[in-house]
């Protein structure tokens, strides 16, 4: 059986443990106690006590709707915990595992992640399979024990070798992500198939993606992605409909972004995107959510392809692979460039931004195929013209150009100035970029505290940049204590959403712990 923890659980510092496996068998004392409690009944009504032989009261049951006060479960849980602890102290591994789970959730004992890890580790030392798997999860996330993905992998691999299907699927993901182990798509597929054949549903759902990854692809860059111990979305080159793309984006982003968008309920219904949903999407896009920008682009394609292209350019800048495929598909539409030219000739800000953005993103070959090639100088002129019209996305993009020295001479002061203008124009993404600069360049200043507040707000709104920045802050101890495990979590989340900077940062943290064993030796791709 699988038990999850809510995000608000005190036992794991507010982080979900949805993959915790809870399996307790053989606790005779606890089972007996549960049976005894199940047999306890409430005291009979006073009238029945006065007339115990009365046929009127002998079989009387009070109506359920009466407001009787029921005994809470706290004492029952405390008693169970006491008996489990007594049995665990004798060295019984099942009781030790059960006690660890109780400390994790605070059931009958105060929630204490370190004690939870201690008892689960004691059970794992005695080769209790479920304890090993759970210890792997704790170690992988740094909950109650030192963060160590290599030790986590060892625990998962032992469970996989014993035939635990959940662990088989986790091992498959380790082999695919290219962080702890060198990537081996064929072996990853073999483990994923074992898990799927064993009936593990997440493995069944993800198997087509593993099969695609195992096929050689011409021109494959060998890019790496991080896993979250959950099956990722299966990207499709087809455009699909609005609802399909929205659902895929939400699945890819995970619960944090779903909450930030405020549209999780949409997945439960077949209704169209409503005004509340649009407000959530626009808010997340403004913060710098590549998923929201890709969804908005797809929604615009049918009635405003130029606006769609502008959304896609912004999403690609934030490393959305899905937006890249959608933009290339849009560029093949016969009427797209005619509309783009007409709008550009009229000085339309979105058209100027979209066309220049396609050049900045390196799409000159595709533009040439459509007789729409422009020089970098022309692209810069278009971007500057759009900026002159105070088009906020253009202000952010031109700031990036000055920051990186792309199309223009590097000028960081000018980049900051443009981002300040965009921030005053309402861009949370620009505000986050300014905050990140403050955190990097003035980590001990009074302004850093305000900058951290901006980043936290951006993370709540769905910004991928904020996830990356929070990872940096926890890694370096800027405004928060140094917590490598939390830094790794933020980097991993951003990497899973497409950030190569986050992937490199996560790889750096992992490499610092890399054992000198052939199994973990990485090879250049």
Foldseek 3Di string as FASTA:
>chain_A
DWDKDAQCFPQQVSHIPRRQDQDAPDLVVLVVLVVVVVPDDDDADPVCVVVVPDPVRVPDDDDPPDPDDDDDCQVVQLVSLVSLVVVVVVQDLSSLQVNLVCLSRVGSHPNYQLSSLVSLVSSVVVVPLSSLQNNLSCCCLVGNHDNANLSSLVSLVVSVVVPDLLSLLVNLQVQCQCFQFAHDLVSSLVSLVSSVVVPNVQSVVQNVVSVVVNDDDPPDPPDGFFDDSGRAADADLDLDALLVLLVNLDRLQPDLQCVLLVCPCVVVDPDDQDPSSVVSLVLLVLLAALSSLQSVLSVCCPPHNLLSLLSLLSSVVLFAPNSVSVNLVSLPDPCPVVVLVVCVVVLNLSSLNSLLSCVLVPVQVSCVVVVNHDDNQSNVVSLVSSVVVVPLVSLQVVLVCLCVVNSHRNDNVSSLVSLVSSVVVPRLNSLLVNLLVCCVPPLPDPVVLVSLVSLVVSSSNNHLSSLQSVLVCLCVVRNHDNDNSSSLVSLNSSSSSGDPVSVVVNSVSNVVVRDPDPRRDYDDD
